[in-house]
Amino acid sequence: MVDVLPLVEARLTTALGAPDARAAVTFVGTDRIEVLRFHDRDPDGDIVRYATLGMSAQPMTDPAALLADPVEGPRAELVLSVRAGRADTDKVLRPLAVLAASPQVEGVIVAPGGSLDVGGPLWPGAPFSSVLVAEPGGLVEDLELDVPRDPVRFLPLLPMTANEAAWKRVHGAQALQERWLTNGTDLRDPARAAVPLD
């Protein structure tokens, strides 16, 4: 059986460059999850990207299934992008690892349009405790695996304030993303205010 994680790390490195830091977290009863940090020079300021490594080692299983399929099923890693130097975002490593472990711990399937909540600030002083899972493919291309395995998808995470998360539950992910777009919201600003929701 091919180890998926070296292929995943190679895809991340190809897309984002070499990581400048990494941390590992192991939860009882789960595989080890690493979080890699990448710096990206952007014309509008430095961007820091955090990517999980380990979530895709096993396919996610439908919580209604009696047995987990060890081969077939969706696979994913999470990617969070924030502007550097505006908050202590390196403290997001453990919350990200918690989110990446949620398919194993809680039996959930993480997919675009869904919400994930960490139950506290994403980093110290953050106005966000949850994220919206966005569509993959823009930053890191899917990693195709040998059939019958599903490809690994690299899912961007968009931090949400509590009000935005509540509004999204009522109106849906698409409506919230349109609201962000209409208001020119900088979703990579770790100190941004909530978008107007009136």
N, C-alpha and C. Protein backbone atom coordinates (compact mmCIF):
# COMPACT_ATOMS: atom_id res chain seq x y z
N MET A 1 0.84 -1.19 0.00
CA MET A 1 0.00 0.00 0.00
C MET A 1 0.89 1.25 0.00
N VAL A 2 0.64 2.18 -0.92
CA VAL A 2 1.45 3.38 -1.06
C VAL A 2 1.15 4.34 0.08
N ASP A 3 2.22 4.89 0.67
CA ASP A 3 2.06 5.91 1.70
C ASP A 3 1.72 7.22 0.99
N VAL A 4 0.55 7.75 1.29
CA VAL A 4 0.05 8.95 0.61
C VAL A 4 0.79 10.21 1.06
N LEU A 5 1.22 10.27 2.32
CA LEU A 5 1.71 11.54 2.88
C LEU A 5 2.96 12.10 2.21
N PRO A 6 3.96 11.29 1.81
CA PRO A 6 5.08 11.89 1.08
C PRO A 6 4.64 12.55 -0.22
N LEU A 7 3.65 11.96 -0.89
CA LEU A 7 3.13 12.55 -2.13
C LEU A 7 2.42 13.87 -1.83
N VAL A 8 1.69 13.89 -0.73
CA VAL A 8 0.97 15.11 -0.32
C VAL A 8 1.96 16.22 0.01
N GLU A 9 3.00 15.88 0.77
CA GLU A 9 3.99 16.90 1.13
C GLU A 9 4.70 17.42 -0.11
N ALA A 10 4.99 16.53 -1.06
CA ALA A 10 5.63 16.96 -2.30
C ALA A 10 4.73 17.92 -3.08
N ARG A 11 3.43 17.65 -3.10
CA ARG A 11 2.50 18.54 -3.81
C ARG A 11 2.45 19.91 -3.13
N LEU A 12 2.42 19.92 -1.80
CA LEU A 12 2.41 21.19 -1.07
C LEU A 12 3.68 21.99 -1.34
N THR A 13 4.82 21.30 -1.33
CA THR A 13 6.10 21.98 -1.55
C THR A 13 6.19 22.53 -2.97
N THR A 14 5.67 21.78 -3.94
CA THR A 14 5.66 22.25 -5.32
C THR A 14 4.82 23.52 -5.45
N ALA A 15 3.69 23.56 -4.77
CA ALA A 15 2.77 24.69 -4.89
C ALA A 15 3.17 25.88 -4.03
N LEU A 16 3.72 25.63 -2.84
CA LEU A 16 3.92 26.70 -1.86
C LEU A 16 5.37 26.97 -1.52
N GLY A 17 6.30 26.14 -2.03
CA GLY A 17 7.70 26.28 -1.66
C GLY A 17 8.02 25.42 -0.44
N ALA A 18 9.25 25.52 0.03
CA ALA A 18 9.66 24.71 1.18
C ALA A 18 9.06 25.30 2.46
N PRO A 19 8.55 24.44 3.36
CA PRO A 19 8.03 24.96 4.63
C PRO A 19 9.16 25.50 5.49
N ASP A 20 8.86 26.56 6.24
CA ASP A 20 9.90 27.12 7.11
C ASP A 20 9.71 26.70 8.57
N ALA A 21 8.64 25.97 8.84
CA ALA A 21 8.42 25.43 10.19
C ALA A 21 7.38 24.32 10.09
N ARG A 22 7.42 23.42 11.07
CA ARG A 22 6.42 22.35 11.13
C ARG A 22 6.25 21.93 12.58
N ALA A 23 5.05 21.49 12.90
CA ALA A 23 4.74 21.01 14.24
C ALA A 23 3.87 19.78 14.11
N ALA A 24 3.99 18.88 15.05
CA ALA A 24 3.20 17.64 15.02
C ALA A 24 2.34 17.54 16.27
N VAL A 25 1.13 17.04 16.09
CA VAL A 25 0.20 16.83 17.20
C VAL A 25 -0.37 15.43 17.06
N THR A 26 -0.42 14.71 18.16
CA THR A 26 -1.03 13.38 18.15
C THR A 26 -2.13 13.35 19.19
N PHE A 27 -3.32 12.93 18.78
CA PHE A 27 -4.45 12.80 19.68
C PHE A 27 -4.67 11.32 19.94
N VAL A 28 -5.18 11.00 21.10
CA VAL A 28 -5.41 9.60 21.47
C VAL A 28 -6.34 8.95 20.45
N GLY A 29 -5.90 7.81 19.92
CA GLY A 29 -6.73 7.06 18.98
C GLY A 29 -6.71 7.57 17.56
N THR A 30 -5.81 8.53 17.25
CA THR A 30 -5.74 9.05 15.88
C THR A 30 -4.31 8.99 15.38
N ASP A 31 -4.18 9.13 14.07
CA ASP A 31 -2.85 9.23 13.47
C ASP A 31 -2.27 10.60 13.78
N ARG A 32 -0.96 10.70 13.65
CA ARG A 32 -0.25 11.96 13.88
C ARG A 32 -0.63 12.95 12.79
N ILE A 33 -0.86 14.19 13.19
CA ILE A 33 -1.16 15.28 12.26
C ILE A 33 -0.04 16.30 12.36
N GLU A 34 0.52 16.67 11.23
CA GLU A 34 1.50 17.75 11.20
C GLU A 34 0.86 18.99 10.59
N VAL A 35 1.38 20.15 10.99
CA VAL A 35 0.99 21.40 10.36
C VAL A 35 2.26 22.07 9.86
N LEU A 36 2.29 22.36 8.57
CA LEU A 36 3.46 22.98 7.94
C LEU A 36 3.17 24.47 7.72
N ARG A 37 4.21 25.29 7.91
CA ARG A 37 4.05 26.73 7.69
C ARG A 37 4.88 27.17 6.49
N PHE A 38 4.26 27.96 5.62
CA PHE A 38 4.91 28.46 4.41
C PHE A 38 4.79 29.98 4.39
N HIS A 39 5.84 30.68 3.97
CA HIS A 39 5.78 32.13 3.78
C HIS A 39 5.69 32.42 2.30
N ASP A 40 4.85 33.37 1.94
CA ASP A 40 4.65 33.72 0.55
C ASP A 40 4.76 35.24 0.42
N ARG A 41 5.64 35.69 -0.47
CA ARG A 41 5.76 37.13 -0.73
C ARG A 41 4.61 37.53 -1.64
N ASP A 42 3.84 38.50 -1.18
CA ASP A 42 2.68 38.96 -1.93
C ASP A 42 2.85 40.47 -2.16
N PRO A 43 2.44 41.00 -3.31
CA PRO A 43 2.57 42.44 -3.55
C PRO A 43 1.90 43.29 -2.46
N ASP A 44 0.84 42.76 -1.85
CA ASP A 44 0.12 43.49 -0.81
C ASP A 44 0.62 43.18 0.60
N GLY A 45 1.73 42.47 0.73
CA GLY A 45 2.23 42.11 2.06
C GLY A 45 2.45 40.61 2.17
N ASP A 46 3.27 40.21 3.12
CA ASP A 46 3.59 38.80 3.28
C ASP A 46 2.37 37.99 3.71
N ILE A 47 2.27 36.81 3.15
CA ILE A 47 1.19 35.88 3.50
C ILE A 47 1.83 34.66 4.16
N VAL A 48 1.22 34.21 5.24
CA VAL A 48 1.64 32.96 5.88
C VAL A 48 0.56 31.92 5.60
N ARG A 49 1.00 30.76 5.14
CA ARG A 49 0.05 29.68 4.86
C ARG A 49 0.35 28.51 5.78
N TYR A 50 -0.69 27.95 6.36
CA TYR A 50 -0.56 26.78 7.21
C TYR A 50 -1.30 25.64 6.53
N ALA A 51 -0.65 24.50 6.37
CA ALA A 51 -1.26 23.35 5.70
C ALA A 51 -1.11 22.12 6.59
N THR A 52 -2.18 21.36 6.71
CA THR A 52 -2.12 20.12 7.49
C THR A 52 -1.49 19.03 6.65
N LEU A 53 -0.91 18.06 7.33
CA LEU A 53 -0.32 16.88 6.68
C LEU A 53 -0.61 15.68 7.58
N GLY A 54 -1.46 14.80 7.10
CA GLY A 54 -1.83 13.63 7.90
C GLY A 54 -3.30 13.30 7.81
N MET A 55 -4.12 14.30 7.55
CA MET A 55 -5.57 14.09 7.44
C MET A 55 -5.90 13.15 6.28
N SER A 56 -5.10 13.21 5.21
CA SER A 56 -5.39 12.42 4.00
C SER A 56 -4.83 11.01 4.04
N ALA A 57 -4.17 10.63 5.14
CA ALA A 57 -3.60 9.29 5.23
C ALA A 57 -4.67 8.22 5.11
N GLN A 58 -5.87 8.54 5.59
CA GLN A 58 -7.00 7.62 5.49
C GLN A 58 -8.17 8.35 4.84
N PRO A 59 -9.00 7.64 4.10
CA PRO A 59 -10.18 8.30 3.54
C PRO A 59 -11.19 8.63 4.63
N MET A 60 -11.94 9.71 4.42
CA MET A 60 -13.01 10.06 5.36
C MET A 60 -14.18 9.12 5.12
N THR A 61 -14.86 8.77 6.19
CA THR A 61 -15.93 7.78 6.12
C THR A 61 -17.26 8.41 6.50
N ASP A 62 -18.29 8.07 5.75
CA ASP A 62 -19.64 8.52 6.07
C ASP A 62 -19.99 8.05 7.48
N PRO A 63 -20.42 8.98 8.37
CA PRO A 63 -20.74 8.57 9.74
C PRO A 63 -21.84 7.51 9.82
N ALA A 64 -22.67 7.37 8.76
CA ALA A 64 -23.74 6.37 8.77
C ALA A 64 -23.24 4.98 8.37
N ALA A 65 -22.02 4.90 7.84
CA ALA A 65 -21.49 3.61 7.39
C ALA A 65 -21.14 2.73 8.58
N LEU A 66 -21.41 1.43 8.45
CA LEU A 66 -21.12 0.50 9.54
C LEU A 66 -19.62 0.24 9.67
N LEU A 67 -18.93 0.16 8.53
CA LEU A 67 -17.49 -0.09 8.53
C LEU A 67 -16.77 0.97 7.71
N ALA A 68 -15.60 1.36 8.18
CA ALA A 68 -14.80 2.33 7.42
C ALA A 68 -14.08 1.62 6.29
N ASP A 69 -14.16 2.20 5.09
CA ASP A 69 -13.44 1.65 3.94
C ASP A 69 -12.01 2.14 4.01
N PRO A 70 -11.02 1.25 4.06
CA PRO A 70 -9.63 1.69 4.19
C PRO A 70 -9.02 2.26 2.91
N VAL A 71 -9.74 2.13 1.78
CA VAL A 71 -9.18 2.57 0.50
C VAL A 71 -10.00 3.68 -0.14
N GLU A 72 -11.30 3.45 -0.34
CA GLU A 72 -12.13 4.40 -1.06
C GLU A 72 -12.77 5.40 -0.10
N GLY A 73 -12.98 6.61 -0.63
CA GLY A 73 -13.59 7.68 0.16
C GLY A 73 -12.80 8.96 -0.01
N PRO A 74 -13.43 10.11 0.27
CA PRO A 74 -12.76 11.39 0.06
C PRO A 74 -11.56 11.57 0.98
N ARG A 75 -10.52 12.21 0.45
CA ARG A 75 -9.31 12.52 1.22
C ARG A 75 -9.05 14.02 1.07
N ALA A 76 -8.55 14.64 2.14
CA ALA A 76 -8.32 16.08 2.08
C ALA A 76 -7.24 16.50 3.07
N GLU A 77 -6.67 17.66 2.82
CA GLU A 77 -5.85 18.40 3.76
C GLU A 77 -6.40 19.82 3.81
N LEU A 78 -6.08 20.55 4.87
CA LEU A 78 -6.61 21.88 5.10
C LEU A 78 -5.52 22.93 4.90
N VAL A 79 -5.88 24.07 4.32
CA VAL A 79 -4.92 25.16 4.10
C VAL A 79 -5.55 26.47 4.58
N LEU A 80 -4.82 27.17 5.45
CA LEU A 80 -5.26 28.47 5.97
C LEU A 80 -4.23 29.52 5.57
N SER A 81 -4.69 30.63 4.98
CA SER A 81 -3.80 31.72 4.56
C SER A 81 -4.15 32.99 5.32
N VAL A 82 -3.14 33.62 5.94
CA VAL A 82 -3.36 34.87 6.68
C VAL A 82 -2.21 35.84 6.41
N ARG A 83 -2.47 37.10 6.61
CA ARG A 83 -1.42 38.11 6.47
C ARG A 83 -0.48 38.04 7.65
N ALA A 84 0.81 38.11 7.36
CA ALA A 84 1.84 37.96 8.40
C ALA A 84 1.95 39.23 9.24
N GLY A 85 2.31 39.04 10.52
CA GLY A 85 2.67 40.15 11.37
C GLY A 85 1.55 40.92 12.01
N ARG A 86 0.29 40.51 11.79
CA ARG A 86 -0.84 41.26 12.36
C ARG A 86 -1.45 40.59 13.58
N ALA A 87 -1.06 39.36 13.84
CA ALA A 87 -1.58 38.61 15.00
C ALA A 87 -0.66 37.42 15.24
N ASP A 88 -0.81 36.80 16.40
CA ASP A 88 0.02 35.64 16.76
C ASP A 88 -0.58 34.38 16.15
N THR A 89 -0.58 34.34 14.80
CA THR A 89 -1.28 33.25 14.10
C THR A 89 -0.56 31.91 14.20
N ASP A 90 0.71 31.89 14.61
CA ASP A 90 1.38 30.60 14.76
C ASP A 90 0.72 29.73 15.82
N LYS A 91 -0.09 30.33 16.68
CA LYS A 91 -0.80 29.55 17.70
C LYS A 91 -1.99 28.79 17.10
N VAL A 92 -2.20 28.94 15.78
CA VAL A 92 -3.29 28.24 15.10
C VAL A 92 -2.94 26.77 14.85
N LEU A 93 -1.69 26.38 15.11
CA LEU A 93 -1.24 25.03 14.76
C LEU A 93 -2.09 23.95 15.42
N ARG A 94 -2.31 24.07 16.74
CA ARG A 94 -3.10 23.04 17.42
C ARG A 94 -4.57 23.04 16.97
N PRO A 95 -5.24 24.21 16.91
CA PRO A 95 -6.62 24.19 16.39
C PRO A 95 -6.72 23.58 14.99
N LEU A 96 -5.75 23.87 14.13
CA LEU A 96 -5.78 23.27 12.79
C LEU A 96 -5.64 21.75 12.85
N ALA A 97 -4.75 21.29 13.71
CA ALA A 97 -4.58 19.84 13.87
C ALA A 97 -5.86 19.20 14.40
N VAL A 98 -6.55 19.90 15.31
CA VAL A 98 -7.83 19.40 15.83
C VAL A 98 -8.84 19.26 14.69
N LEU A 99 -8.91 20.27 13.84
CA LEU A 99 -9.84 20.21 12.70
C LEU A 99 -9.47 19.07 11.76
N ALA A 100 -8.16 18.89 11.52
CA ALA A 100 -7.72 17.83 10.61
C ALA A 100 -7.98 16.44 11.18
N ALA A 101 -8.02 16.33 12.51
CA ALA A 101 -8.29 15.04 13.14
C ALA A 101 -9.78 14.74 13.25
N SER A 102 -10.63 15.73 13.00
CA SER A 102 -12.07 15.54 13.20
C SER A 102 -12.69 14.41 12.40
N PRO A 103 -12.24 14.11 11.17
CA PRO A 103 -12.81 12.94 10.50
C PRO A 103 -12.56 11.63 11.25
N GLN A 104 -11.38 11.49 11.87
CA GLN A 104 -11.08 10.27 12.63
C GLN A 104 -11.78 10.28 13.98
N VAL A 105 -11.80 11.45 14.63
CA VAL A 105 -12.33 11.53 15.99
C VAL A 105 -13.86 11.53 15.99
N GLU A 106 -14.45 12.34 15.10
CA GLU A 106 -15.90 12.53 15.12
C GLU A 106 -16.62 11.84 13.98
N GLY A 107 -15.87 11.25 13.04
CA GLY A 107 -16.50 10.57 11.92
C GLY A 107 -17.23 11.51 10.98
N VAL A 108 -16.68 12.71 10.77
CA VAL A 108 -17.31 13.67 9.86
C VAL A 108 -16.56 13.67 8.53
N ILE A 109 -17.27 14.09 7.50
CA ILE A 109 -16.64 14.29 6.19
C ILE A 109 -16.52 15.79 5.98
N VAL A 110 -15.30 16.27 5.83
CA VAL A 110 -15.04 17.69 5.62
C VAL A 110 -15.13 17.96 4.13
N ALA A 111 -16.01 18.90 3.75
CA ALA A 111 -16.26 19.17 2.33
C ALA A 111 -16.54 20.65 2.13
N PRO A 112 -16.35 21.16 0.91
CA PRO A 112 -16.63 22.56 0.63
C PRO A 112 -18.06 22.95 1.01
N GLY A 113 -18.19 24.14 1.59
CA GLY A 113 -19.49 24.63 2.04
C GLY A 113 -19.78 24.31 3.48
N GLY A 114 -19.00 23.40 4.07
CA GLY A 114 -19.20 23.04 5.47
C GLY A 114 -18.51 24.02 6.41
N SER A 115 -18.88 23.92 7.68
CA SER A 115 -18.27 24.73 8.72
C SER A 115 -17.56 23.82 9.71
N LEU A 116 -16.46 24.31 10.26
CA LEU A 116 -15.75 23.59 11.32
C LEU A 116 -15.54 24.57 12.46
N ASP A 117 -15.79 24.12 13.69
CA ASP A 117 -15.67 24.99 14.85
C ASP A 117 -14.65 24.42 15.81
N VAL A 118 -13.76 25.27 16.33
CA VAL A 118 -12.73 24.79 17.27
C VAL A 118 -13.12 25.05 18.72
N GLY A 119 -14.25 25.72 18.97
CA GLY A 119 -14.72 25.92 20.33
C GLY A 119 -13.97 27.01 21.09
N GLY A 120 -13.14 27.77 20.41
CA GLY A 120 -12.39 28.86 21.02
C GLY A 120 -11.70 29.63 19.92
N PRO A 121 -10.98 30.72 20.26
CA PRO A 121 -10.31 31.51 19.23
C PRO A 121 -9.31 30.66 18.44
N LEU A 122 -9.20 30.92 17.14
CA LEU A 122 -8.25 30.19 16.30
C LEU A 122 -6.81 30.46 16.73
N TRP A 123 -6.56 31.66 17.25
CA TRP A 123 -5.26 32.03 17.84
C TRP A 123 -5.57 33.07 18.91
N PRO A 124 -4.65 33.40 19.80
CA PRO A 124 -4.95 34.33 20.89
C PRO A 124 -5.50 35.66 20.39
N GLY A 125 -6.66 36.04 20.91
CA GLY A 125 -7.29 37.30 20.54
C GLY A 125 -8.02 37.29 19.21
N ALA A 126 -8.07 36.14 18.55
CA ALA A 126 -8.73 36.07 17.23
C ALA A 126 -10.24 36.27 17.38
N PRO A 127 -10.85 37.02 16.45
CA PRO A 127 -12.31 37.17 16.48
C PRO A 127 -13.02 35.98 15.83
N PHE A 128 -12.25 34.94 15.50
CA PHE A 128 -12.81 33.77 14.80
C PHE A 128 -12.65 32.51 15.64
N SER A 129 -13.70 31.69 15.70
CA SER A 129 -13.59 30.38 16.34
C SER A 129 -14.05 29.27 15.39
N SER A 130 -14.42 29.65 14.19
CA SER A 130 -14.84 28.65 13.20
C SER A 130 -14.35 29.08 11.82
N VAL A 131 -14.42 28.14 10.90
CA VAL A 131 -13.98 28.39 9.52
C VAL A 131 -15.01 27.85 8.55
N LEU A 132 -15.07 28.48 7.39
CA LEU A 132 -15.85 27.98 6.27
C LEU A 132 -14.90 27.22 5.36
N VAL A 133 -15.27 26.02 4.96
CA VAL A 133 -14.46 25.23 4.05
C VAL A 133 -14.79 25.66 2.62
N ALA A 134 -13.77 26.16 1.90
CA ALA A 134 -13.99 26.69 0.55
C ALA A 134 -13.66 25.62 -0.50
N GLU A 135 -13.91 25.97 -1.74
CA GLU A 135 -13.66 25.07 -2.87
C GLU A 135 -12.15 24.91 -3.08
N PRO A 136 -11.69 23.70 -3.38
CA PRO A 136 -10.25 23.47 -3.61
C PRO A 136 -9.86 23.82 -5.04
N GLY A 137 -8.56 23.73 -5.31
CA GLY A 137 -8.07 23.82 -6.68
C GLY A 137 -7.42 25.13 -7.05
N GLY A 138 -7.66 26.18 -6.30
CA GLY A 138 -7.08 27.47 -6.67
C GLY A 138 -5.61 27.58 -6.29
N LEU A 139 -5.27 27.22 -5.09
CA LEU A 139 -3.92 27.40 -4.57
C LEU A 139 -3.06 26.15 -4.77
N VAL A 140 -3.61 25.00 -4.38
CA VAL A 140 -2.90 23.72 -4.51
C VAL A 140 -3.81 22.77 -5.28
N GLU A 141 -3.32 22.27 -6.40
CA GLU A 141 -4.13 21.37 -7.22
C GLU A 141 -4.36 20.04 -6.52
N ASP A 142 -5.49 19.40 -6.83
CA ASP A 142 -5.77 18.07 -6.29
C ASP A 142 -4.63 17.13 -6.64
N LEU A 143 -4.38 16.18 -5.75
CA LEU A 143 -3.36 15.15 -5.97
C LEU A 143 -4.06 13.87 -6.36
N GLU A 144 -3.91 13.48 -7.62
CA GLU A 144 -4.54 12.24 -8.09
C GLU A 144 -3.78 11.04 -7.52
N LEU A 145 -4.53 10.04 -7.06
CA LEU A 145 -3.95 8.80 -6.54
C LEU A 145 -4.36 7.65 -7.44
N ASP A 146 -3.68 6.51 -7.29
CA ASP A 146 -4.03 5.34 -8.09
C ASP A 146 -5.45 4.88 -7.76
N VAL A 147 -6.18 4.51 -8.80
CA VAL A 147 -7.53 3.96 -8.64
C VAL A 147 -7.42 2.71 -7.77
N PRO A 148 -8.35 2.48 -6.80
CA PRO A 148 -9.63 3.16 -6.62
C PRO A 148 -9.60 4.31 -5.61
N ARG A 149 -8.43 4.76 -5.23
CA ARG A 149 -8.38 5.85 -4.25
C ARG A 149 -8.87 7.17 -4.85
N ASP A 150 -9.60 7.93 -4.03
CA ASP A 150 -10.02 9.27 -4.42
C ASP A 150 -8.81 10.21 -4.38
N PRO A 151 -8.84 11.30 -5.14
CA PRO A 151 -7.75 12.27 -5.07
C PRO A 151 -7.73 12.97 -3.72
N VAL A 152 -6.56 13.49 -3.36
CA VAL A 152 -6.45 14.33 -2.16
C VAL A 152 -6.78 15.76 -2.59
N ARG A 153 -7.73 16.37 -1.88
CA ARG A 153 -8.12 17.76 -2.18
C ARG A 153 -7.57 18.66 -1.08
N PHE A 154 -7.08 19.82 -1.46
CA PHE A 154 -6.50 20.77 -0.51
C PHE A 154 -7.54 21.88 -0.30
N LEU A 155 -8.20 21.81 0.84
CA LEU A 155 -9.36 22.66 1.09
C LEU A 155 -8.97 23.95 1.81
N PRO A 156 -9.20 25.12 1.18
CA PRO A 156 -8.93 26.38 1.85
C PRO A 156 -9.92 26.60 3.00
N LEU A 157 -9.43 27.18 4.08
CA LEU A 157 -10.27 27.52 5.22
C LEU A 157 -10.40 29.04 5.31
N LEU A 158 -11.63 29.53 5.46
CA LEU A 158 -11.91 30.96 5.56
C LEU A 158 -12.45 31.24 6.97
N PRO A 159 -11.68 31.95 7.81
CA PRO A 159 -12.13 32.20 9.19
C PRO A 159 -13.45 32.99 9.21
N MET A 160 -14.34 32.60 10.13
CA MET A 160 -15.63 33.26 10.30
C MET A 160 -15.77 33.77 11.73
N THR A 161 -16.35 34.96 11.88
CA THR A 161 -16.73 35.43 13.21
C THR A 161 -17.97 34.65 13.65
N ALA A 162 -18.32 34.76 14.92
CA ALA A 162 -19.50 34.05 15.44
C ALA A 162 -20.77 34.50 14.70
N ASN A 163 -20.89 35.81 14.43
CA ASN A 163 -22.07 36.30 13.72
C ASN A 163 -22.12 35.78 12.29
N GLU A 164 -20.96 35.74 11.63
CA GLU A 164 -20.92 35.23 10.26
C GLU A 164 -21.29 33.74 10.23
N ALA A 165 -20.79 32.99 11.21
CA ALA A 165 -21.10 31.55 11.27
C ALA A 165 -22.59 31.34 11.48
N ALA A 166 -23.20 32.14 12.36
CA ALA A 166 -24.65 32.02 12.60
C ALA A 166 -25.43 32.41 11.35
N TRP A 167 -25.00 33.46 10.66
CA TRP A 167 -25.67 33.91 9.45
C TRP A 167 -25.55 32.86 8.35
N LYS A 168 -24.37 32.23 8.27
CA LYS A 168 -24.14 31.18 7.27
C LYS A 168 -25.06 29.99 7.51
N ARG A 169 -25.31 29.64 8.78
CA ARG A 169 -26.20 28.50 9.07
C ARG A 169 -27.61 28.75 8.54
N VAL A 170 -28.04 30.01 8.54
CA VAL A 170 -29.39 30.35 8.07
C VAL A 170 -29.42 30.52 6.55
N HIS A 171 -28.43 31.23 6.00
CA HIS A 171 -28.48 31.64 4.59
C HIS A 171 -27.62 30.78 3.67
N GLY A 172 -26.68 30.02 4.22
CA GLY A 172 -25.85 29.16 3.40
C GLY A 172 -24.48 29.76 3.09
N ALA A 173 -23.56 28.88 2.71
CA ALA A 173 -22.18 29.27 2.44
C ALA A 173 -22.09 30.22 1.25
N GLN A 174 -22.83 29.94 0.20
CA GLN A 174 -22.77 30.76 -1.02
C GLN A 174 -23.16 32.20 -0.71
N ALA A 175 -24.22 32.39 0.08
CA ALA A 175 -24.67 33.74 0.41
C ALA A 175 -23.62 34.49 1.23
N LEU A 176 -22.96 33.79 2.15
CA LEU A 176 -21.93 34.45 2.95
C LEU A 176 -20.74 34.84 2.08
N GLN A 177 -20.34 33.96 1.18
CA GLN A 177 -19.22 34.29 0.30
C GLN A 177 -19.55 35.46 -0.61
N GLU A 178 -20.79 35.53 -1.07
CA GLU A 178 -21.21 36.67 -1.89
C GLU A 178 -21.18 37.96 -1.07
N ARG A 179 -21.58 37.88 0.19
CA ARG A 179 -21.56 39.05 1.08
C ARG A 179 -20.11 39.53 1.28
N TRP A 180 -19.20 38.58 1.50
CA TRP A 180 -17.78 38.94 1.63
C TRP A 180 -17.28 39.63 0.35
N LEU A 181 -17.62 39.06 -0.79
CA LEU A 181 -17.16 39.59 -2.07
C LEU A 181 -17.72 40.99 -2.32
N THR A 182 -19.00 41.18 -2.08
CA THR A 182 -19.65 42.46 -2.28
C THR A 182 -19.02 43.56 -1.43
N ASN A 183 -18.59 43.20 -0.22
CA ASN A 183 -18.02 44.18 0.70
C ASN A 183 -16.50 44.28 0.60
N GLY A 184 -15.90 43.54 -0.34
CA GLY A 184 -14.45 43.61 -0.50
C GLY A 184 -13.70 43.14 0.73
N THR A 185 -14.23 42.15 1.42
CA THR A 185 -13.63 41.66 2.67
C THR A 185 -12.29 40.99 2.40
N ASP A 186 -11.27 41.40 3.18
CA ASP A 186 -9.96 40.76 3.09
C ASP A 186 -9.97 39.55 4.02
N LEU A 187 -10.24 38.38 3.47
CA LEU A 187 -10.40 37.17 4.28
C LEU A 187 -9.07 36.68 4.86
N ARG A 188 -7.96 37.27 4.40
CA ARG A 188 -6.66 36.87 4.96
C ARG A 188 -6.21 37.79 6.09
N ASP A 189 -7.01 38.81 6.39
CA ASP A 189 -6.68 39.73 7.49
C ASP A 189 -7.05 39.06 8.81
N PRO A 190 -6.05 38.71 9.66
CA PRO A 190 -6.37 38.00 10.90
C PRO A 190 -7.06 38.86 11.95
N ALA A 191 -7.18 40.16 11.69
CA ALA A 191 -7.82 41.06 12.67
C ALA A 191 -9.05 41.73 12.07
N ARG A 192 -9.56 41.21 10.96
CA ARG A 192 -10.68 41.89 10.30
C ARG A 192 -11.95 41.86 11.14
N ALA A 193 -12.81 42.82 10.87
CA ALA A 193 -14.12 42.86 11.51
C ALA A 193 -15.10 42.00 10.72
N ALA A 194 -16.21 41.68 11.34
CA ALA A 194 -17.26 40.92 10.65
C ALA A 194 -17.83 41.73 9.50
N VAL A 195 -18.23 41.06 8.45
CA VAL A 195 -18.86 41.72 7.33
C VAL A 195 -20.26 42.19 7.76
N PRO A 196 -20.75 43.34 7.25
CA PRO A 196 -22.12 43.75 7.58
C PRO A 196 -23.13 42.70 7.13
N LEU A 197 -24.03 42.35 8.01
CA LEU A 197 -24.98 41.26 7.71
C LEU A 197 -26.43 41.72 7.75
N ASP A 198 -26.67 43.03 7.72
CA ASP A 198 -28.05 43.55 7.75
C ASP A 198 -28.76 43.27 6.45
